[in-house]
Amino acid sequence: MKFLDARRLTGPSLLFDGPGAILDVLCSKDEAQKLIPVWQRHVERMLSELAWERCEFRSLLLSGGVSLGFTSPIDALYAASEINEWAFATCDAELNGAEQPDFEAAVAAICAAKAEEANPALLQLESLALERGVTFLWDDDEASLGLGRHSQTWSVRELPNPESLDWTAFDDVPTGIVTGTNGKTTTVRLAAHIVRAAGRNVGFSSTDFIAVNDRVVDRDDWSGPGGARNVLREREVDVAILETARGGLLRRGLGINKTDAAVITNIAKDHLGDFGSQNLDELLQCKWIVTRAVSNGGRLVLNADDPLLVKKSAEFEGELIWFSMDKNNAVVRKHISNGGVAFVLEGRDLLVADGDTKVLICHDHQIPITLGGAARHNVANSLAAAALTWSMGVSLQDIGAGLKTMSQEENPGRCNVYQVRGFTVLVDFAHNPEALQALLSMAGRLATKRKALCFGQAGDRPDDLIRELAHSAWESGLDRVFVSELAKYHRGRESGEVFAVIRDELLNCGADAQQIEHHGEEIESLNSALEWAEPGDLIVMLALERAPELHERLASLV
């Protein structure tokens, strides 16, 4: 039994619909079954000592361990996390003979932490917002009422007198959530462009940046709840599109409690091996958290071509919208026959099907980022974005216009094509076997002489997933491989360790050692590939670490 983490949950999560504290423990299933009642008993003892209000307890068995949690007021979450740390130490003493922590000292320390964290005014504002049906967002620094252009934000220590507020001035703006394994960022950008093309001010968060229309608010990975709150507090925003990734969902929960629509693009092998996402079933459970936000009146958009999502959909009781690359998909056909709505591809046509009615949105080759329809994964992303924005009230005419005007420059790092000295360079973010397979499948539709791949992989991926990535790459028919070290993503591994796994798998697949190069930086791999390439060749560049530098280099050569 090993302590892994104790942290706050600020929104809907695997355990709760609201805030709480979670304890992650590495242990066997038998150890977990012994730990759960002992942990709850000790937490209850501490809560009683602190005169803490009643709370809800939850536990969740996971591969390799257990998550234990209890609900908490929003102004006591740090103290709640300290309670979990103390409770684990006490359980470790009782179950494993570790040193027993001093109870009186722990009570004093947690009591002091709770007093310092306490914010009665924040709790009052939260309660009044709930009573009046006004959206309330909060974090360590700020609290806000309403969303977007109907919002107002204050410091959590300088909150207004509730009686001085015009509560009728606070309202929501349409919001959409995008999650899944592959295609999240492109779907967000497509949806945001559609909304912008429809004449609305759009704010969106993603793994790359937060933006309002063309204004970048901040560049970083903002795919967690912090990114959602930042977007929803921007007073220019009429509509918000929020990328929601696995990490934020596991660590803090969902950024908002209610949304108009949510899309899950797919469930594929990525980030497997982390606690809470050890396998595809756990990853699916994590992504499924977003359905909580659409359970009361919103629409859930799912990929009918994904078997895991199809099976899981039986658990959702709200309104479902499907999208599929196959008009004859059995799930879609049944859904439509029962009066449902689906967004499908029929030949080269993107259609919305409703009963016996089919309406053309546009043709796949009219969407610039599909490269004339060759980039099938971006056709799927276009269907997802169309279904999402339609579910948020955007007209089909505006959706079609938006898809047809979304340029490569507005989707940096995702399926970008450069023509350099007679050969082609394709830049993308593909970072798992499924995404790479889709990218290389598209590349196979392009007429080329020789083909090279520049890529690397993060160190927190298990060896079998790294090998699967290398295997998929070589099986696509490569002539040269340039492997980047990606020092930023070593994540516990030694320099050269990931390369050694990739190289070994490539050799096992039949590559010659002279066909494999190793470089420290992505830009070095790209430069070497550019020297190697001849007219008619294709270089596929996976930009994971320093994408802006790569795009600058390529733009200078075009």
Protein backbone atom coordinates (compact mmCIF):
# COMPACT_ATOMS: atom_id res chain seq x y z
CA MET A 1 0.00 0.00 0.00
CA LYS A 2 1.53 3.29 -1.14
CA PHE A 3 0.34 6.88 -0.89
CA LEU A 4 0.10 8.41 -4.37
CA ASP A 5 -1.68 11.76 -4.10
CA ALA A 6 -4.12 13.82 -2.05
CA ARG A 7 -5.77 16.74 -3.84
CA ARG A 8 -8.86 18.89 -4.29
CA LEU A 9 -11.70 18.14 -6.70
CA THR A 10 -13.24 21.44 -7.76
CA GLY A 11 -15.97 20.15 -10.10
CA PRO A 12 -17.76 17.02 -11.35
CA SER A 13 -15.36 14.07 -11.25
CA LEU A 14 -15.22 10.28 -11.16
CA LEU A 15 -16.40 10.41 -7.55
CA PHE A 16 -18.75 13.37 -7.13
CA ASP A 17 -20.90 15.92 -8.93
CA GLY A 18 -19.38 18.71 -6.85
CA PRO A 19 -16.27 19.69 -4.86
CA GLY A 20 -14.43 17.34 -2.55
CA ALA A 21 -11.07 15.88 -1.57
CA ILE A 22 -9.60 12.74 -3.12
CA LEU A 23 -6.92 10.32 -1.95
CA ASP A 24 -5.23 8.01 -4.47
CA VAL A 25 -3.54 4.88 -3.10
CA LEU A 26 -1.55 2.24 -4.95
CA CYS A 27 -2.55 -1.15 -3.59
CA SER A 28 -4.04 -4.54 -4.41
CA LYS A 29 -7.79 -5.08 -4.53
CA ASP A 30 -7.66 -6.98 -1.22
CA GLU A 31 -5.70 -4.14 0.40
CA ALA A 32 -8.23 -1.64 -0.96
CA GLN A 33 -11.15 -3.55 0.56
CA LYS A 34 -9.43 -3.43 3.95
CA LEU A 35 -8.40 0.20 3.55
CA ILE A 36 -11.78 1.70 2.61
CA PRO A 37 -13.65 1.24 5.93
CA VAL A 38 -10.57 2.08 8.02
CA TRP A 39 -9.97 5.27 6.01
CA GLN A 40 -13.61 6.36 6.38
CA ARG A 41 -13.57 5.68 10.12
CA HIS A 42 -10.49 7.86 10.63
CA VAL A 43 -11.79 10.65 8.41
CA GLU A 44 -15.08 10.65 10.33
CA ARG A 45 -13.15 10.85 13.59
CA MET A 46 -11.25 13.92 12.39
CA LEU A 47 -14.37 15.56 10.97
CA SER A 48 -16.16 15.05 14.27
CA GLU A 49 -13.27 16.63 16.15
CA LEU A 50 -13.42 19.65 13.84
CA ALA A 51 -17.24 19.94 14.05
CA TRP A 52 -17.30 19.57 10.26
CA GLU A 53 -20.66 19.51 8.52
CA ARG A 54 -21.99 16.24 7.15
CA CYS A 55 -20.38 14.96 3.98
CA GLU A 56 -20.64 12.20 1.41
CA PHE A 57 -18.05 9.42 1.15
CA ARG A 58 -17.11 7.62 -2.05
CA SER A 59 -14.53 5.04 -3.11
CA LEU A 60 -13.60 3.81 -6.57
CA LEU A 61 -11.57 0.67 -7.26
CA LEU A 62 -9.12 1.19 -10.12
CA SER A 63 -6.43 -0.89 -11.78
CA GLY A 64 -3.55 -0.90 -9.31
CA GLY A 65 -5.30 0.91 -6.50
CA VAL A 66 -8.23 2.87 -5.15
CA SER A 67 -9.47 6.46 -5.05
CA LEU A 68 -11.11 7.58 -1.79
CA GLY A 69 -12.97 10.84 -1.40
CA PHE A 70 -15.37 12.92 0.64
CA THR A 71 -17.28 16.09 -0.23
CA SER A 72 -16.27 19.43 1.22
CA PRO A 73 -17.28 23.09 1.27
CA ILE A 74 -15.36 25.09 -1.33
CA ASP A 75 -13.59 27.12 1.36
CA ALA A 76 -12.22 24.02 3.12
CA LEU A 77 -10.74 21.93 0.30
CA TYR A 78 -7.09 22.38 1.28
CA ALA A 79 -7.94 21.35 4.83
CA ALA A 80 -9.89 18.38 3.45
CA SER A 81 -6.80 17.32 1.50
CA GLU A 82 -4.74 17.53 4.69
CA ILE A 83 -7.31 15.31 6.41
CA ASN A 84 -6.84 12.72 3.67
CA GLU A 85 -3.04 12.81 4.06
CA TRP A 86 -3.37 12.36 7.82
CA ALA A 87 -5.98 9.61 7.36
CA PHE A 88 -3.67 7.65 5.06
CA ALA A 89 -0.79 7.89 7.52
CA THR A 90 -3.12 6.69 10.28
CA CYS A 91 -4.38 3.81 8.13
CA ASP A 92 -0.81 2.87 7.26
CA ALA A 93 -0.04 2.70 10.96
CA GLU A 94 -3.09 0.57 11.76
CA LEU A 95 -2.85 -1.78 8.79
CA ASN A 96 0.89 -1.97 8.15
CA GLY A 97 2.61 -1.06 11.40
CA ALA A 98 3.96 2.32 10.23
CA GLU A 99 4.58 5.10 12.73
CA GLN A 100 1.37 6.46 14.25
CA PRO A 101 0.89 10.21 13.62
CA ASP A 102 0.11 12.45 16.61
CA PHE A 103 -3.67 12.96 16.60
CA GLU A 104 -3.74 16.12 18.72
CA ALA A 105 -1.04 17.74 16.62
CA ALA A 106 -2.91 16.84 13.43
CA VAL A 107 -6.15 18.30 14.82
CA ALA A 108 -4.41 21.55 15.68
CA ALA A 109 -2.69 21.84 12.29
CA ILE A 110 -5.82 21.05 10.26
CA CYS A 111 -7.96 23.31 12.42
CA ALA A 112 -5.54 26.19 11.79
CA ALA A 113 -5.50 25.46 8.05
CA LYS A 114 -9.29 25.39 7.95
CA ALA A 115 -9.55 28.70 9.79
CA GLU A 116 -7.07 30.37 7.43
CA GLU A 117 -8.92 29.05 4.37
CA ALA A 118 -12.43 29.91 5.62
CA ASN A 119 -14.39 32.39 3.52
CA PRO A 120 -18.00 32.82 4.73
CA ALA A 121 -18.69 35.50 2.11
CA LEU A 122 -17.72 33.07 -0.67
CA LEU A 123 -20.07 30.42 0.71
CA GLN A 124 -22.87 32.96 0.97
CA LEU A 125 -22.39 34.04 -2.66
CA GLU A 126 -22.36 30.40 -3.75
CA SER A 127 -25.57 29.68 -1.85
CA LEU A 128 -27.41 32.72 -3.20
CA ALA A 129 -26.32 31.94 -6.77
CA LEU A 130 -27.68 28.41 -6.43
CA GLU A 131 -30.92 29.74 -4.97
CA ARG A 132 -31.37 32.19 -7.88
CA GLY A 133 -30.24 29.79 -10.63
CA VAL A 134 -27.19 31.90 -11.49
CA THR A 135 -23.97 30.20 -12.63
CA PHE A 136 -21.21 30.58 -10.02
CA LEU A 137 -17.54 29.92 -10.79
CA TRP A 138 -14.72 30.10 -8.28
CA ASP A 139 -11.05 29.27 -7.78
CA ASP A 140 -8.26 30.22 -5.38
CA ASP A 141 -8.16 33.83 -6.60
CA GLU A 142 -11.48 34.79 -8.13
CA ALA A 143 -15.22 34.20 -8.02
CA SER A 144 -17.71 35.10 -10.72
CA LEU A 145 -21.43 35.17 -11.44
CA GLY A 146 -22.87 34.55 -14.90
CA LEU A 147 -20.94 33.59 -18.02
CA GLY A 148 -19.18 35.54 -20.76
CA ARG A 149 -20.77 38.90 -21.56
CA HIS A 150 -23.27 38.38 -18.74
CA SER A 151 -20.58 37.79 -16.09
CA GLN A 152 -18.84 39.74 -13.39
CA THR A 153 -15.70 38.66 -11.50
CA TRP A 154 -14.24 39.61 -8.13
CA SER A 155 -11.32 38.64 -5.92
CA VAL A 156 -12.37 35.91 -3.49
CA ARG A 157 -11.26 38.16 -0.62
CA GLU A 158 -13.05 41.25 -1.92
CA LEU A 159 -16.52 39.97 -2.68
CA PRO A 160 -19.50 42.31 -3.08
CA ASN A 161 -22.43 42.67 -0.72
CA PRO A 162 -25.02 40.33 -2.31
CA GLU A 163 -27.77 42.84 -1.57
CA SER A 164 -26.04 45.42 -3.78
CA LEU A 165 -26.10 43.14 -6.84
CA ASP A 166 -28.57 43.27 -9.72
CA TRP A 167 -29.05 39.52 -9.93
CA THR A 168 -31.15 39.84 -13.10
CA ALA A 169 -28.04 41.07 -14.97
CA PHE A 170 -26.33 37.68 -14.68
CA ASP A 171 -26.99 35.08 -17.33
CA ASP A 172 -25.28 32.31 -19.28
CA VAL A 173 -23.90 32.16 -22.81
CA PRO A 174 -24.06 29.01 -24.97
CA THR A 175 -21.22 26.63 -24.11
CA GLY A 176 -19.87 23.48 -25.70
CA ILE A 177 -17.39 20.94 -24.35
CA VAL A 178 -15.03 18.84 -26.46
CA THR A 179 -13.27 15.77 -25.10
CA GLY A 180 -11.99 12.43 -26.39
CA THR A 181 -8.58 11.06 -27.31
CA ASN A 182 -7.85 12.32 -30.83
CA GLY A 183 -9.17 15.35 -32.67
CA LYS A 184 -10.10 17.47 -29.64
CA THR A 185 -8.12 20.59 -30.52
CA THR A 186 -9.04 20.53 -34.21
CA THR A 187 -12.71 20.06 -33.33
CA VAL A 188 -12.52 22.99 -30.91
CA ARG A 189 -10.89 25.19 -33.56
CA LEU A 190 -13.44 24.15 -36.18
CA ALA A 191 -16.34 24.82 -33.82
CA ALA A 192 -14.90 28.18 -32.78
CA HIS A 193 -14.38 29.16 -36.43
CA ILE A 194 -17.96 28.17 -37.27
CA VAL A 195 -19.31 30.30 -34.43
CA ARG A 196 -17.07 33.22 -35.42
CA ALA A 197 -18.15 32.92 -39.06
CA ALA A 198 -21.75 33.11 -37.84
CA GLY A 199 -21.01 36.58 -36.47
CA ARG A 200 -20.68 35.74 -32.78
CA ASN A 201 -17.79 36.54 -30.44
CA VAL A 202 -16.31 33.19 -29.45
CA GLY A 203 -13.97 32.27 -26.63
CA PHE A 204 -12.23 28.93 -26.52
CA SER A 205 -9.73 26.99 -24.46
CA SER A 206 -7.40 24.30 -25.79
CA THR A 207 -4.13 22.48 -25.25
CA ASP A 208 -2.35 25.33 -27.08
CA PHE A 209 -3.92 28.55 -25.84
CA ILE A 210 -6.96 30.50 -24.69
CA ALA A 211 -8.40 32.90 -27.25
CA VAL A 212 -11.28 35.28 -27.77
CA ASN A 213 -11.87 35.54 -31.51
CA ASP A 214 -8.39 36.28 -32.93
CA ARG A 215 -6.97 37.56 -29.62
CA VAL A 216 -4.79 35.03 -27.82
CA VAL A 217 -5.30 35.54 -24.09
CA ASP A 218 -2.54 33.16 -22.99
CA ARG A 219 -0.41 30.44 -24.60
CA ASP A 220 -0.15 27.20 -22.65
CA ASP A 221 -2.05 23.98 -22.09
CA TRP A 222 -5.42 25.34 -20.93
CA SER A 223 -7.47 22.16 -21.45
CA GLY A 224 -8.39 21.87 -17.77
CA PRO A 225 -10.99 23.60 -15.58
CA GLY A 226 -8.79 26.68 -15.20
CA GLY A 227 -8.95 27.26 -18.94
CA ALA A 228 -12.73 26.90 -18.91
CA ARG A 229 -13.12 29.46 -16.13
CA ASN A 230 -10.80 31.94 -17.84
CA VAL A 231 -12.80 31.77 -21.07
CA LEU A 232 -16.15 32.02 -19.32
CA ARG A 233 -15.08 35.17 -17.46
CA GLU A 234 -14.18 37.05 -20.64
CA ARG A 235 -16.79 39.81 -21.06
CA GLU A 236 -16.52 39.78 -24.88
CA VAL A 237 -17.62 36.16 -25.16
CA ASP A 238 -21.02 35.35 -26.70
CA VAL A 239 -20.30 31.62 -27.12
CA ALA A 240 -17.67 29.40 -25.45
CA ILE A 241 -16.02 26.21 -26.74
CA LEU A 242 -14.00 24.36 -24.09
CA GLU A 243 -11.45 21.61 -24.71
CA THR A 244 -11.48 19.19 -21.80
CA ALA A 245 -8.60 16.74 -21.48
CA ARG A 246 -8.03 13.65 -19.35
CA GLY A 247 -5.48 15.28 -17.03
CA GLY A 248 -7.76 18.06 -15.85
CA LEU A 249 -10.71 15.71 -15.46
CA LEU A 250 -8.70 13.36 -13.23
CA ARG A 251 -6.87 16.00 -11.21
CA ARG A 252 -9.56 18.62 -10.64
CA GLY A 253 -12.77 17.50 -12.33
CA LEU A 254 -14.91 19.32 -14.87
CA GLY A 255 -14.71 23.11 -15.08
CA ILE A 256 -18.46 23.72 -15.27
CA ASN A 257 -21.54 21.92 -13.97
CA LYS A 258 -23.83 22.57 -16.94
CA THR A 259 -23.34 22.96 -20.69
CA ASP A 260 -25.53 23.13 -23.78
CA ALA A 261 -23.65 20.38 -25.63
CA ALA A 262 -20.66 18.09 -25.28
CA VAL A 263 -18.86 15.92 -27.82
CA ILE A 264 -16.67 12.87 -27.21
CA THR A 265 -14.62 12.41 -30.38
CA ASN A 266 -13.27 8.87 -29.72
CA ILE A 267 -11.57 6.67 -27.15
CA ALA A 268 -8.12 5.41 -28.17
CA LYS A 269 -4.84 4.31 -26.63
CA ASP A 270 -3.14 7.35 -25.15
CA HIS A 271 -1.96 8.31 -21.66
CA LEU A 272 -2.58 4.71 -20.63
CA GLY A 273 -0.56 3.65 -17.65
CA ASP A 274 -1.34 6.69 -15.49
CA PHE A 275 -3.35 6.15 -12.32
CA GLY A 276 -7.01 6.46 -13.24
CA SER A 277 -6.39 5.69 -16.91
CA GLN A 278 -4.57 2.38 -16.86
CA ASN A 279 -6.71 0.95 -19.66
CA LEU A 280 -9.33 1.96 -22.22
CA ASP A 281 -12.24 1.28 -19.88
CA GLU A 282 -10.81 3.64 -17.26
CA LEU A 283 -10.02 6.23 -19.91
CA LEU A 284 -13.63 6.00 -21.12
CA GLN A 285 -14.92 6.47 -17.57
CA CYS A 286 -12.77 9.58 -17.26
CA LYS A 287 -14.00 11.13 -20.52
CA TRP A 288 -17.58 10.18 -19.66
CA ILE A 289 -17.53 12.71 -16.80
CA VAL A 290 -18.57 15.39 -19.33
CA THR A 291 -21.97 13.71 -19.70
CA ARG A 292 -22.84 14.98 -16.21
CA ALA A 293 -22.89 18.53 -17.58
CA VAL A 294 -25.48 17.71 -20.28
CA SER A 295 -27.69 15.41 -18.25
CA ASN A 296 -30.33 18.10 -17.70
CA GLY A 297 -31.42 19.48 -21.04
CA GLY A 298 -28.15 19.46 -22.99
CA ARG A 299 -27.16 17.35 -25.99
CA LEU A 300 -24.44 14.71 -26.06
CA VAL A 301 -22.62 14.19 -29.37
CA LEU A 302 -20.94 10.79 -29.80
CA ASN A 303 -18.91 9.03 -32.48
CA ALA A 304 -21.01 6.14 -33.82
CA ASP A 305 -17.87 4.57 -35.34
CA ASP A 306 -16.33 4.04 -31.87
CA PRO A 307 -17.48 0.71 -30.32
CA LEU A 308 -16.66 1.81 -26.76
CA LEU A 309 -18.80 4.93 -27.06
CA VAL A 310 -21.62 3.00 -28.71
CA LYS A 311 -21.72 0.52 -25.83
CA LYS A 312 -21.43 3.23 -23.19
CA SER A 313 -24.20 5.32 -24.76
CA ALA A 314 -26.84 3.02 -23.24
CA GLU A 315 -26.08 4.65 -19.88
CA PHE A 316 -27.00 8.14 -21.09
CA GLU A 317 -30.65 9.10 -20.61
CA GLY A 318 -30.59 12.51 -22.31
CA GLU A 319 -30.66 13.58 -25.98
CA LEU A 320 -28.03 11.90 -28.14
CA ILE A 321 -26.67 13.20 -31.44
CA TRP A 322 -24.47 10.78 -33.41
CA PHE A 323 -21.85 11.45 -36.05
CA SER A 324 -20.37 8.86 -38.40
CA MET A 325 -18.19 8.52 -41.47
CA ASP A 326 -20.58 5.83 -42.70
CA LYS A 327 -24.18 6.68 -43.61
CA ASN A 328 -25.01 2.98 -43.26
CA ASN A 329 -23.68 2.70 -39.71
CA ALA A 330 -26.19 0.46 -37.92
CA VAL A 331 -26.32 2.64 -34.81
CA VAL A 332 -27.01 5.73 -36.90
CA ARG A 333 -29.70 4.04 -38.98
CA LYS A 334 -31.54 2.83 -35.89
CA HIS A 335 -31.18 6.24 -34.23
CA ILE A 336 -32.60 8.06 -37.25
CA SER A 337 -35.47 5.61 -37.63
CA ASN A 338 -36.39 6.33 -34.00
CA GLY A 339 -36.57 10.06 -34.70
CA GLY A 340 -33.02 10.99 -33.74
CA VAL A 341 -30.58 13.32 -35.49
CA ALA A 342 -27.20 12.29 -36.91
CA PHE A 343 -24.41 13.95 -38.87
CA VAL A 344 -23.00 11.57 -41.48
CA LEU A 345 -20.80 11.30 -44.55
CA GLU A 346 -22.46 9.97 -47.68
CA GLY A 347 -19.91 9.69 -50.48
CA ARG A 348 -18.33 13.15 -50.50
CA ASP A 349 -21.29 14.86 -48.78
CA LEU A 350 -21.55 15.92 -45.14
CA LEU A 351 -25.22 15.58 -44.25
CA VAL A 352 -27.50 16.01 -41.29
CA ALA A 353 -30.09 13.22 -41.22
CA ASP A 354 -33.36 13.56 -39.35
CA GLY A 355 -35.92 10.84 -40.01
CA ASP A 356 -36.45 10.66 -43.77
CA THR A 357 -34.90 14.11 -44.30
CA LYS A 358 -31.27 14.67 -45.28
CA VAL A 359 -29.81 18.15 -45.61
CA LEU A 360 -26.45 18.85 -47.27
CA ILE A 361 -23.98 20.83 -45.17
CA CYS A 362 -21.09 20.83 -47.65
CA HIS A 363 -18.80 18.49 -49.60
CA ASP A 364 -15.70 17.08 -47.89
CA HIS A 365 -13.31 18.50 -50.50
CA GLN A 366 -14.70 22.00 -49.80
CA ILE A 367 -13.24 21.92 -46.28
CA PRO A 368 -9.62 23.18 -46.61
CA ILE A 369 -8.21 21.22 -43.68
CA THR A 370 -9.34 17.92 -45.21
CA LEU A 371 -6.83 18.42 -48.06
CA GLY A 372 -9.41 17.73 -50.71
CA GLY A 373 -11.02 15.00 -48.64
CA ALA A 374 -7.81 12.98 -48.23
CA ALA A 375 -7.52 13.76 -44.51
CA ARG A 376 -10.35 11.49 -43.39
CA HIS A 377 -9.75 12.18 -39.70
CA ASN A 378 -10.46 15.86 -40.35
CA VAL A 379 -13.65 14.95 -42.17
CA ALA A 380 -14.67 13.16 -38.96
CA ASN A 381 -13.61 16.19 -36.90
CA SER A 382 -15.71 18.38 -39.19
CA LEU A 383 -18.77 16.20 -38.59
CA ALA A 384 -18.16 16.39 -34.83
CA ALA A 385 -17.83 20.19 -34.92
CA ALA A 386 -20.94 20.49 -37.09
CA ALA A 387 -22.96 18.34 -34.68
CA LEU A 388 -21.67 20.26 -31.66
CA THR A 389 -22.39 23.73 -33.02
CA TRP A 390 -25.80 22.67 -34.39
CA SER A 391 -26.60 21.37 -30.91
CA MET A 392 -25.72 24.85 -29.60
CA GLY A 393 -28.13 26.58 -31.98
CA VAL A 394 -25.94 27.46 -34.98
CA SER A 395 -27.73 27.18 -38.34
CA LEU A 396 -26.68 24.59 -40.93
CA GLN A 397 -26.01 27.41 -43.39
CA ASP A 398 -23.55 29.05 -41.00
CA ILE A 399 -21.99 25.66 -40.19
CA GLY A 400 -21.35 24.97 -43.87
CA ALA A 401 -19.90 28.44 -44.41
CA GLY A 402 -17.63 28.01 -41.39
CA LEU A 403 -16.30 24.62 -42.45
CA LYS A 404 -15.55 25.87 -45.96
CA THR A 405 -13.53 28.85 -44.71
CA MET A 406 -11.44 27.14 -42.00
CA SER A 407 -7.85 27.47 -43.27
CA GLN A 408 -4.66 25.60 -42.46
CA GLU A 409 -3.28 28.75 -40.78
CA GLU A 410 -6.16 28.64 -38.27
CA ASN A 411 -5.27 25.08 -37.27
CA PRO A 412 -1.52 25.27 -36.57
CA GLY A 413 0.22 21.98 -35.84
CA ARG A 414 -2.65 19.88 -37.13
CA CYS A 415 -2.35 18.45 -40.64
CA ASN A 416 -0.43 21.42 -42.07
CA VAL A 417 1.13 21.00 -45.52
CA TYR A 418 4.19 22.81 -46.89
CA GLN A 419 5.70 22.53 -50.38
CA VAL A 420 9.47 22.89 -50.16
CA ARG A 421 11.86 22.58 -53.14
CA GLY A 422 9.60 20.11 -54.92
CA PHE A 423 8.86 17.84 -51.95
CA THR A 424 6.05 17.90 -49.36
CA VAL A 425 6.26 18.36 -45.58
CA LEU A 426 3.21 17.37 -43.54
CA VAL A 427 3.17 18.61 -39.92
CA ASP A 428 0.80 17.19 -37.31
CA PHE A 429 0.41 16.62 -33.56
CA ALA A 430 -0.37 12.87 -33.84
CA HIS A 431 1.08 11.32 -30.68
CA ASN A 432 -0.52 7.89 -30.29
CA PRO A 433 -0.88 4.84 -32.58
CA GLU A 434 -4.45 5.59 -33.70
CA ALA A 435 -3.70 9.23 -34.56
CA LEU A 436 -0.48 8.31 -36.34
CA GLN A 437 -2.22 5.56 -38.29
CA ALA A 438 -4.87 8.03 -39.46
CA LEU A 439 -2.20 10.53 -40.46
CA LEU A 440 -0.07 8.01 -42.33
CA SER A 441 -3.16 6.57 -43.99
CA MET A 442 -3.88 10.04 -45.32
CA ALA A 443 -0.25 10.44 -46.37
CA GLY A 444 -0.57 7.18 -48.28
CA ARG A 445 -3.19 8.82 -50.49
CA LEU A 446 -0.68 11.44 -51.59
CA ALA A 447 1.50 10.61 -54.60
CA THR A 448 5.10 10.41 -53.34
CA LYS A 449 8.40 8.76 -54.17
CA ARG A 450 9.99 8.21 -50.77
CA LYS A 451 8.53 8.80 -47.32
CA ALA A 452 10.20 9.83 -44.06
CA LEU A 453 8.87 10.29 -40.53
CA CYS A 454 10.23 12.65 -37.86
CA PHE A 455 8.83 11.80 -34.44
CA GLY A 456 9.46 11.12 -30.77
CA GLN A 457 7.43 10.00 -27.78
CA ALA A 458 6.90 11.04 -24.18
CA GLY A 459 8.56 8.95 -21.49
CA ASP A 460 5.40 8.38 -19.48
CA ARG A 461 3.98 6.07 -22.14
CA PRO A 462 4.47 2.36 -21.44
CA ASP A 463 6.97 0.46 -23.61
CA ASP A 464 4.29 -1.54 -25.41
CA LEU A 465 2.52 1.65 -26.52
CA ILE A 466 5.80 3.17 -27.72
CA ARG A 467 6.52 -0.03 -29.65
CA GLU A 468 3.03 0.00 -31.16
CA LEU A 469 3.61 3.58 -32.34
CA ALA A 470 6.94 2.62 -33.96
CA HIS A 471 5.42 -0.51 -35.49
CA SER A 472 2.48 1.40 -36.98
CA ALA A 473 4.89 3.95 -38.40
CA TRP A 474 7.18 1.45 -40.12
CA GLU A 475 4.30 -0.63 -41.47
CA SER A 476 3.10 2.43 -43.41
CA GLY A 477 6.07 2.08 -45.76
CA LEU A 478 8.78 4.44 -44.52
CA ASP A 479 12.19 4.91 -46.12
CA ARG A 480 13.73 6.93 -43.30
CA VAL A 481 13.02 7.67 -39.64
CA PHE A 482 14.30 10.66 -37.67
CA VAL A 483 13.72 10.19 -33.93
CA SER A 484 13.72 13.26 -31.65
CA GLU A 485 14.74 13.06 -28.00
CA LEU A 486 11.97 15.35 -26.61
CA ALA A 487 13.83 16.23 -23.41
CA LYS A 488 10.82 18.21 -22.15
CA TYR A 489 8.83 14.97 -22.10
CA HIS A 490 11.34 12.54 -20.53
CA ARG A 491 8.96 12.25 -17.55
CA GLY A 492 11.08 9.98 -15.40
CA ARG A 493 13.12 8.26 -18.12
CA GLU A 494 16.81 8.74 -18.86
CA SER A 495 17.98 10.48 -22.03
CA GLY A 496 18.00 8.02 -24.93
CA GLU A 497 15.78 5.48 -23.18
CA VAL A 498 12.69 6.10 -25.31
CA PHE A 499 14.80 6.19 -28.47
CA ALA A 500 16.26 2.79 -27.58
CA VAL A 501 12.74 1.30 -27.41
CA ILE A 502 11.74 2.92 -30.72
CA ARG A 503 14.95 1.83 -32.45
CA ASP A 504 14.65 -1.74 -31.22
CA GLU A 505 11.07 -2.01 -32.50
CA LEU A 506 11.98 -0.48 -35.88
CA LEU A 507 14.80 -3.00 -36.28
CA ASN A 508 12.40 -5.80 -35.33
CA CYS A 509 10.08 -4.57 -38.08
CA GLY A 510 12.84 -4.85 -40.68
CA ALA A 511 14.37 -1.39 -40.73
CA ASP A 512 18.08 -1.11 -41.45
CA ALA A 513 20.12 0.72 -38.79
CA GLN A 514 21.20 3.26 -41.42
CA GLN A 515 17.55 4.21 -41.95
CA ILE A 516 17.23 5.41 -38.35
CA GLU A 517 18.64 8.72 -37.09
CA HIS A 518 18.59 10.09 -33.55
CA HIS A 519 18.52 13.82 -32.76
CA GLY A 520 18.24 15.85 -29.59
CA GLU A 521 15.69 18.38 -30.83
CA GLU A 522 12.72 18.24 -33.19
CA ILE A 523 14.19 21.07 -35.26
CA GLU A 524 17.37 19.01 -35.74
CA SER A 525 15.31 16.06 -36.99
CA LEU A 526 13.45 18.34 -39.39
CA ASN A 527 16.65 19.92 -40.71
CA SER A 528 18.22 16.52 -41.30
CA ALA A 529 15.07 15.34 -43.08
CA LEU A 530 15.08 18.46 -45.25
CA GLU A 531 18.66 17.69 -46.31
CA TRP A 532 17.68 14.09 -47.11
CA ALA A 533 14.55 14.89 -49.12
CA GLU A 534 14.44 15.11 -52.91
CA PRO A 535 11.69 16.32 -55.26
CA GLY A 536 8.64 14.05 -55.03
CA ASP A 537 9.39 12.90 -51.45
CA LEU A 538 7.17 13.30 -48.39
CA ILE A 539 8.30 14.19 -44.87
CA VAL A 540 5.79 13.62 -42.07
CA MET A 541 6.78 15.73 -39.04
CA LEU A 542 5.12 15.11 -35.66
CA ALA A 543 5.41 18.42 -33.81
CA LEU A 544 5.08 17.72 -30.10
CA GLU A 545 7.61 19.93 -28.33
CA ARG A 546 8.48 23.14 -30.23
CA ALA A 547 5.85 23.46 -32.95
CA PRO A 548 6.14 27.26 -33.52
CA GLU A 549 9.87 26.93 -34.29
CA LEU A 550 9.16 24.18 -36.81
CA HIS A 551 6.47 26.16 -38.57
CA GLU A 552 8.71 29.23 -38.75
CA ARG A 553 11.46 27.15 -40.31
CA LEU A 554 9.13 25.68 -42.93
CA ALA A 555 7.42 28.99 -43.68
CA SER A 556 10.83 30.50 -44.43
CA LEU A 557 11.45 27.84 -47.10
CA VAL A 558 8.12 28.04 -48.91
